Amino acid sequence: MDRETLDLRGIKCPLSWAKAKVRLETMRAGTEIELLLDDPQGAADIPRAAEASGHQVVGVVDEGGRWRITIEA
């Protein structure tokens, strides 16, 4: 399966979600994107926002102040 990575470290929510959403809208269905975050608010809000937008959250990994969120387009 194809997987893209989008580095959103240093970007605060909601701008990080806006950037992720734009990328998700251009991806083929079934493709995964891995978001790299260091904003706790974004780590909490992005999975909810992604599911509300019809995407599947494949995984959320807390790496101690950094998060790796995988979403299927």
PDB file of N, CA and C in Angstrom:
ATOM      1  N   MET A   1       0.845  -1.196   0.000  1.00  0.00           N
ATOM      2  CA  MET A   1       0.000   0.000   0.000  1.00  0.00           C
ATOM      3  C   MET A   1       0.880   1.246   0.000  1.00  0.00           C
ATOM      4  N   ASP A   2       0.462   2.202  -0.798  1.00  0.00           N
ATOM      5  CA  ASP A   2       1.189   3.470  -0.854  1.00  0.00           C
ATOM      6  C   ASP A   2       0.990   4.230   0.454  1.00  0.00           C
ATOM      7  N   ARG A   3       2.059   4.890   0.908  1.00  0.00           N
ATOM      8  CA  ARG A   3       1.932   5.726   2.098  1.00  0.00           C
ATOM      9  C   ARG A   3       2.789   6.971   1.905  1.00  0.00           C
ATOM     10  N   GLU A   4       2.166   8.124   2.115  1.00  0.00           N
ATOM     11  CA  GLU A   4       2.883   9.396   2.086  1.00  0.00           C
ATOM     12  C   GLU A   4       3.147   9.831   3.519  1.00  0.00           C
ATOM     13  N   THR A   5       4.130  10.702   3.684  1.00  0.00           N
ATOM     14  CA  THR A   5       4.401  11.286   4.997  1.00  0.00           C
ATOM     15  C   THR A   5       4.283  12.799   4.873  1.00  0.00           C
ATOM     16  N   LEU A   6       3.610  13.397   5.866  1.00  0.00           N
ATOM     17  CA  LEU A   6       3.461  14.848   5.912  1.00  0.00           C
ATOM     18  C   LEU A   6       3.982  15.319   7.262  1.00  0.00           C
ATOM     19  N   ASP A   7       5.069  16.067   7.228  1.00  0.00           N
ATOM     20  CA  ASP A   7       5.698  16.552   8.459  1.00  0.00           C
ATOM     21  C   ASP A   7       5.028  17.855   8.878  1.00  0.00           C
ATOM     22  N   LEU A   8       4.278  17.779   9.979  1.00  0.00           N
ATOM     23  CA  LEU A   8       3.562  18.944  10.494  1.00  0.00           C
ATOM     24  C   LEU A   8       4.150  19.421  11.818  1.00  0.00           C
ATOM     25  N   ARG A   9       5.355  18.986  12.111  1.00  0.00           N
ATOM     26  CA  ARG A   9       5.983  19.421  13.360  1.00  0.00           C
ATOM     27  C   ARG A   9       6.233  20.924  13.291  1.00  0.00           C
ATOM     28  N   GLY A  10       5.921  21.599  14.405  1.00  0.00           N
ATOM     29  CA  GLY A  10       6.086  23.046  14.458  1.00  0.00           C
ATOM     30  C   GLY A  10       4.865  23.807  13.965  1.00  0.00           C
ATOM     31  N   ILE A  11       3.843  23.084  13.521  1.00  0.00           N
ATOM     32  CA  ILE A  11       2.619  23.726  13.029  1.00  0.00           C
ATOM     33  C   ILE A  11       1.493  23.408  14.012  1.00  0.00           C
ATOM     34  N   LYS A  12       0.822  24.437  14.472  1.00  0.00           N
ATOM     35  CA  LYS A  12      -0.251  24.273  15.458  1.00  0.00           C
ATOM     36  C   LYS A  12      -1.580  23.985  14.771  1.00  0.00           C
ATOM     37  N   CYS A  13      -2.436  23.237  15.478  1.00  0.00           N
ATOM     38  CA  CYS A  13      -3.805  23.012  15.040  1.00  0.00           C
ATOM     39  C   CYS A  13      -4.566  24.334  15.217  1.00  0.00           C
ATOM     40  N   PRO A  14      -5.447  24.737  14.326  1.00  0.00           N
ATOM     41  CA  PRO A  14      -6.052  23.968  13.244  1.00  0.00           C
ATOM     42  C   PRO A  14      -5.312  24.039  11.907  1.00  0.00           C
ATOM     43  N   LEU A  15      -4.228  24.785  11.806  1.00  0.00           N
ATOM     44  CA  LEU A  15      -3.505  24.867  10.532  1.00  0.00           C
ATOM     45  C   LEU A  15      -2.956  23.499  10.116  1.00  0.00           C
ATOM     46  N   SER A  16      -2.512  22.705  11.081  1.00  0.00           N
ATOM     47  CA  SER A  16      -1.985  21.376  10.745  1.00  0.00           C
ATOM     48  C   SER A  16      -3.086  20.508  10.129  1.00  0.00           C
ATOM     49  N   TRP A  17      -4.299  20.558  10.679  1.00  0.00           N
ATOM     50  CA  TRP A  17      -5.402  19.786  10.100  1.00  0.00           C
ATOM     51  C   TRP A  17      -5.755  20.313   8.723  1.00  0.00           C
ATOM     52  N   ALA A  18      -5.740  21.623   8.527  1.00  0.00           N
ATOM     53  CA  ALA A  18      -6.046  22.197   7.216  1.00  0.00           C
ATOM     54  C   ALA A  18      -5.066  21.675   6.162  1.00  0.00           C
ATOM     55  N   LYS A  19      -3.793  21.632   6.505  1.00  0.00           N
ATOM     56  CA  LYS A  19      -2.776  21.127   5.567  1.00  0.00           C
ATOM     57  C   LYS A  19      -2.991  19.636   5.282  1.00  0.00           C
ATOM     58  N   ALA A  20      -3.284  18.863   6.341  1.00  0.00           N
ATOM     59  CA  ALA A  20      -3.515  17.430   6.168  1.00  0.00           C
ATOM     60  C   ALA A  20      -4.752  17.181   5.311  1.00  0.00           C
ATOM     61  N   LYS A  21      -5.806  17.969   5.549  1.00  0.00           N
ATOM     62  CA  LYS A  21      -7.064  17.795   4.814  1.00  0.00           C
ATOM     63  C   LYS A  21      -6.872  18.071   3.326  1.00  0.00           C
ATOM     64  N   VAL A  22      -6.131  19.121   3.004  1.00  0.00           N
ATOM     65  CA  VAL A  22      -5.851  19.438   1.599  1.00  0.00           C
ATOM     66  C   VAL A  22      -5.122  18.264   0.936  1.00  0.00           C
ATOM     67  N   ARG A  23      -4.153  17.708   1.632  1.00  0.00           N
ATOM     68  CA  ARG A  23      -3.407  16.562   1.076  1.00  0.00           C
ATOM     69  C   ARG A  23      -4.317  15.345   0.924  1.00  0.00           C
ATOM     70  N   LEU A  24      -5.135  15.063   1.932  1.00  0.00           N
ATOM     71  CA  LEU A  24      -6.038  13.904   1.859  1.00  0.00           C
ATOM     72  C   LEU A  24      -7.001  14.009   0.680  1.00  0.00           C
ATOM     73  N   GLU A  25      -7.456  15.212   0.392  1.00  0.00           N
ATOM     74  CA  GLU A  25      -8.419  15.402  -0.695  1.00  0.00           C
ATOM     75  C   GLU A  25      -7.815  15.123  -2.066  1.00  0.00           C
ATOM     76  N   THR A  26      -6.492  15.154  -2.179  1.00  0.00           N
ATOM     77  CA  THR A  26      -5.844  14.916  -3.468  1.00  0.00           C
ATOM     78  C   THR A  26      -5.341  13.478  -3.606  1.00  0.00           C
ATOM     79  N   MET A  27      -5.500  12.681  -2.553  1.00  0.00           N
ATOM     80  CA  MET A  27      -4.974  11.315  -2.568  1.00  0.00           C
ATOM     81  C   MET A  27      -6.024  10.323  -3.063  1.00  0.00           C
ATOM     82  N   ARG A  28      -5.543   9.221  -3.653  1.00  0.00           N
ATOM     83  CA  ARG A  28      -6.445   8.149  -4.090  1.00  0.00           C
ATOM     84  C   ARG A  28      -7.040   7.459  -2.871  1.00  0.00           C
ATOM     85  N   ALA A  29      -8.272   6.992  -3.001  1.00  0.00           N
ATOM     86  CA  ALA A  29      -8.912   6.232  -1.922  1.00  0.00           C
ATOM     87  C   ALA A  29      -8.072   4.995  -1.624  1.00  0.00           C
ATOM     88  N   GLY A  30      -7.928   4.686  -0.355  1.00  0.00           N
ATOM     89  CA  GLY A  30      -7.153   3.521   0.059  1.00  0.00           C
ATOM     90  C   GLY A  30      -5.691   3.824   0.323  1.00  0.00           C
ATOM     91  N   THR A  31      -5.240   5.014  -0.084  1.00  0.00           N
ATOM     92  CA  THR A  31      -3.861   5.423   0.175  1.00  0.00           C
ATOM     93  C   THR A  31      -3.755   5.921   1.616  1.00  0.00           C
ATOM     94  N   GLU A  32      -2.611   5.671   2.246  1.00  0.00           N
ATOM     95  CA  GLU A  32      -2.418   6.130   3.620  1.00  0.00           C
ATOM     96  C   GLU A  32      -1.467   7.313   3.673  1.00  0.00           C
ATOM     97  N   ILE A  33      -1.719   8.176   4.635  1.00  0.00           N
ATOM     98  CA  ILE A  33      -0.809   9.283   4.909  1.00  0.00           C
ATOM     99  C   ILE A  33      -0.408   9.201   6.373  1.00  0.00           C
ATOM    100  N   GLU A  34       0.866   9.431   6.617  1.00  0.00           N
ATOM    101  CA  GLU A  34       1.384   9.436   7.979  1.00  0.00           C
ATOM    102  C   GLU A  34       1.703  10.881   8.348  1.00  0.00           C
ATOM    103  N   LEU A  35       1.055  11.374   9.381  1.00  0.00           N
ATOM    104  CA  LEU A  35       1.262  12.751   9.838  1.00  0.00           C
ATOM    105  C   LEU A  35       2.213  12.736  11.015  1.00  0.00           C
ATOM    106  N   LEU A  36       3.220  13.588  10.975  1.00  0.00           N
ATOM    107  CA  LEU A  36       4.160  13.739  12.084  1.00  0.00           C
ATOM    108  C   LEU A  36       3.818  15.048  12.784  1.00  0.00           C
ATOM    109  N   LEU A  37       3.508  14.970  14.080  1.00  0.00           N
ATOM    110  CA  LEU A  37       3.049  16.134  14.840  1.00  0.00           C
ATOM    111  C   LEU A  37       3.834  16.285  16.127  1.00  0.00           C
ATOM    112  N   ASP A  38       3.922  17.527  16.604  1.00  0.00           N
ATOM    113  CA  ASP A  38       4.466  17.763  17.946  1.00  0.00           C
ATOM    114  C   ASP A  38       3.542  18.679  18.748  1.00  0.00           C
ATOM    115  N   ASP A  39       2.314  18.853  18.261  1.00  0.00           N
ATOM    116  CA  ASP A  39       1.316  19.701  18.919  1.00  0.00           C
ATOM    117  C   ASP A  39       0.278  18.802  19.598  1.00  0.00           C
ATOM    118  N   PRO A  40       0.219  18.807  20.940  1.00  0.00           N
ATOM    119  CA  PRO A  40      -0.731  17.933  21.636  1.00  0.00           C
ATOM    120  C   PRO A  40      -2.185  18.185  21.233  1.00  0.00           C
ATOM    121  N   GLN A  41      -2.524  19.433  20.967  1.00  0.00           N
ATOM    122  CA  GLN A  41      -3.899  19.750  20.546  1.00  0.00           C
ATOM    123  C   GLN A  41      -4.204  19.097  19.209  1.00  0.00           C
ATOM    124  N   GLY A  42      -3.255  19.187  18.298  1.00  0.00           N
ATOM    125  CA  GLY A  42      -3.440  18.555  16.989  1.00  0.00           C
ATOM    126  C   GLY A  42      -3.545  17.041  17.105  1.00  0.00           C
ATOM    127  N   ALA A  43      -2.734  16.454  17.984  1.00  0.00           N
ATOM    128  CA  ALA A  43      -2.756  15.003  18.171  1.00  0.00           C
ATOM    129  C   ALA A  43      -4.115  14.546  18.689  1.00  0.00           C
ATOM    130  N   ALA A  44      -4.774  15.392  19.477  1.00  0.00           N
ATOM    131  CA  ALA A  44      -6.096  15.062  20.001  1.00  0.00           C
ATOM    132  C   ALA A  44      -7.190  15.334  18.968  1.00  0.00           C
ATOM    133  N   ASP A  45      -7.069  16.447  18.249  1.00  0.00           N
ATOM    134  CA  ASP A  45      -8.151  16.895  17.361  1.00  0.00           C
ATOM    135  C   ASP A  45      -8.126  16.264  15.973  1.00  0.00           C
ATOM    136  N   ILE A  46      -6.946  16.023  15.417  1.00  0.00           N
ATOM    137  CA  ILE A  46      -6.859  15.550  14.029  1.00  0.00           C
ATOM    138  C   ILE A  46      -7.536  14.195  13.829  1.00  0.00           C
ATOM    139  N   PRO A  47      -7.329  13.206  14.701  1.00  0.00           N
ATOM    140  CA  PRO A  47      -8.043  11.932  14.466  1.00  0.00           C
ATOM    141  C   PRO A  47      -9.565  12.104  14.455  1.00  0.00           C
ATOM    142  N   ARG A  48     -10.101  12.913  15.352  1.00  0.00           N
ATOM    143  CA  ARG A  48     -11.555  13.154  15.375  1.00  0.00           C
ATOM    144  C   ARG A  48     -12.008  13.859  14.101  1.00  0.00           C
ATOM    145  N   ALA A  49     -11.245  14.874  13.689  1.00  0.00           N
ATOM    146  CA  ALA A  49     -11.604  15.630  12.482  1.00  0.00           C
ATOM    147  C   ALA A  49     -11.526  14.736  11.242  1.00  0.00           C
ATOM    148  N   ALA A  50     -10.528  13.871  11.197  1.00  0.00           N
ATOM    149  CA  ALA A  50     -10.382  12.969  10.045  1.00  0.00           C
ATOM    150  C   ALA A  50     -11.570  12.017   9.952  1.00  0.00           C
ATOM    151  N   GLU A  51     -11.967  11.439  11.083  1.00  0.00           N
ATOM    152  CA  GLU A  51     -13.108  10.519  11.069  1.00  0.00           C
ATOM    153  C   GLU A  51     -14.400  11.260  10.738  1.00  0.00           C
ATOM    154  N   ALA A  52     -14.548  12.481  11.234  1.00  0.00           N
ATOM    155  CA  ALA A  52     -15.741  13.281  10.921  1.00  0.00           C
ATOM    156  C   ALA A  52     -15.804  13.604   9.431  1.00  0.00           C
ATOM    157  N   SER A  53     -14.639  13.624   8.773  1.00  0.00           N
ATOM    158  CA  SER A  53     -14.572  13.908   7.334  1.00  0.00           C
ATOM    159  C   SER A  53     -14.675  12.639   6.490  1.00  0.00           C
ATOM    160  N   GLY A  54     -14.875  11.494   7.147  1.00  0.00           N
ATOM    161  CA  GLY A  54     -15.062  10.251   6.406  1.00  0.00           C
ATOM    162  C   GLY A  54     -13.809   9.437   6.177  1.00  0.00           C
ATOM    163  N   HIS A  55     -12.701   9.795   6.818  1.00  0.00           N
ATOM    164  CA  HIS A  55     -11.462   9.040   6.673  1.00  0.00           C
ATOM    165  C   HIS A  55     -11.323   8.062   7.830  1.00  0.00           C
ATOM    166  N   GLN A  56     -10.528   7.015   7.618  1.00  0.00           N
ATOM    167  CA  GLN A  56     -10.283   6.040   8.672  1.00  0.00           C
ATOM    168  C   GLN A  56      -8.924   6.310   9.300  1.00  0.00           C
ATOM    169  N   VAL A  57      -8.910   6.426  10.631  1.00  0.00           N
ATOM    170  CA  VAL A  57      -7.653   6.583  11.356  1.00  0.00           C
ATOM    171  C   VAL A  57      -7.104   5.184  11.606  1.00  0.00           C
ATOM    172  N   VAL A  58      -5.961   4.888  11.005  1.00  0.00           N
ATOM    173  CA  VAL A  58      -5.360   3.555  11.088  1.00  0.00           C
ATOM    174  C   VAL A  58      -4.582   3.401  12.395  1.00  0.00           C
ATOM    175  N   GLY A  59      -3.919   4.473  12.824  1.00  0.00           N
ATOM    176  CA  GLY A  59      -3.155   4.377  14.055  1.00  0.00           C
ATOM    177  C   GLY A  59      -2.705   5.726  14.563  1.00  0.00           C
ATOM    178  N   VAL A  60      -2.565   5.802  15.892  1.00  0.00           N
ATOM    179  CA  VAL A  60      -2.018   6.980  16.548  1.00  0.00           C
ATOM    180  C   VAL A  60      -0.942   6.483  17.510  1.00  0.00           C
ATOM    181  N   VAL A  61       0.290   6.924  17.288  1.00  0.00           N
ATOM    182  CA  VAL A  61       1.400   6.493  18.131  1.00  0.00           C
ATOM    183  C   VAL A  61       1.986   7.714  18.833  1.00  0.00           C
ATOM    184  N   ASP A  62       1.997   7.662  20.168  1.00  0.00           N
ATOM    185  CA  ASP A  62       2.606   8.718  20.981  1.00  0.00           C
ATOM    186  C   ASP A  62       4.065   8.343  21.186  1.00  0.00           C
ATOM    187  N   GLU A  63       4.953   9.169  20.653  1.00  0.00           N
ATOM    188  CA  GLU A  63       6.387   8.905  20.763  1.00  0.00           C
ATOM    189  C   GLU A  63       7.019   9.838  21.793  1.00  0.00           C
ATOM    190  N   GLY A  64       6.251  10.158  22.846  1.00  0.00           N
ATOM    191  CA  GLY A  64       6.775  10.999  23.916  1.00  0.00           C
ATOM    192  C   GLY A  64       6.914  12.457  23.504  1.00  0.00           C
ATOM    193  N   GLY A  65       5.777  13.128  23.294  1.00  0.00           N
ATOM    194  CA  GLY A  65       5.804  14.538  22.889  1.00  0.00           C
ATOM    195  C   GLY A  65       5.758  14.727  21.385  1.00  0.00           C
ATOM    196  N   ARG A  66       5.829  13.633  20.662  1.00  0.00           N
ATOM    197  CA  ARG A  66       5.633  13.638  19.203  1.00  0.00           C
ATOM    198  C   ARG A  66       4.634  12.555  18.896  1.00  0.00           C
ATOM    199  N   TRP A  67       3.844  12.788  17.848  1.00  0.00           N
ATOM    200  CA  TRP A  67       2.834  11.818  17.477  1.00  0.00           C
ATOM    201  C   TRP A  67       2.975  11.469  16.009  1.00  0.00           C
ATOM    202  N   ARG A  68       2.627  10.224  15.711  1.00  0.00           N
ATOM    203  CA  ARG A  68       2.615   9.689  14.349  1.00  0.00           C
ATOM    204  C   ARG A  68       1.195   9.176  14.122  1.00  0.00           C
ATOM    205  N   ILE A  69       0.446   9.885  13.289  1.00  0.00           N
ATOM    206  CA  ILE A  69      -0.961   9.544  13.032  1.00  0.00           C
ATOM    207  C   ILE A  69      -1.066   9.056  11.589  1.00  0.00           C
ATOM    208  N   THR A  70      -1.608   7.854  11.427  1.00  0.00           N
ATOM    209  CA  THR A  70      -1.780   7.289  10.098  1.00  0.00           C
ATOM    210  C   THR A  70      -3.260   7.309   9.745  1.00  0.00           C
ATOM    211  N   ILE A  71      -3.572   7.894   8.594  1.00  0.00           N
ATOM    212  CA  ILE A  71      -4.953   8.056   8.153  1.00  0.00           C
ATOM    213  C   ILE A  71      -5.069   7.490   6.742  1.00  0.00           C
ATOM    214  N   GLU A  72      -6.186   6.780   6.501  1.00  0.00           N
ATOM    215  CA  GLU A  72      -6.455   6.269   5.162  1.00  0.00           C
ATOM    216  C   GLU A  72      -7.365   7.248   4.441  1.00  0.00           C
ATOM    217  N   ALA A  73      -6.977   7.617   3.226  1.00  0.00           N
ATOM    218  CA  ALA A  73      -7.755   8.589   2.435  1.00  0.00           C
ATOM    219  C   ALA A  73      -9.058   7.972   1.963  1.00  0.00           C
TER     220      ALA A  73
END
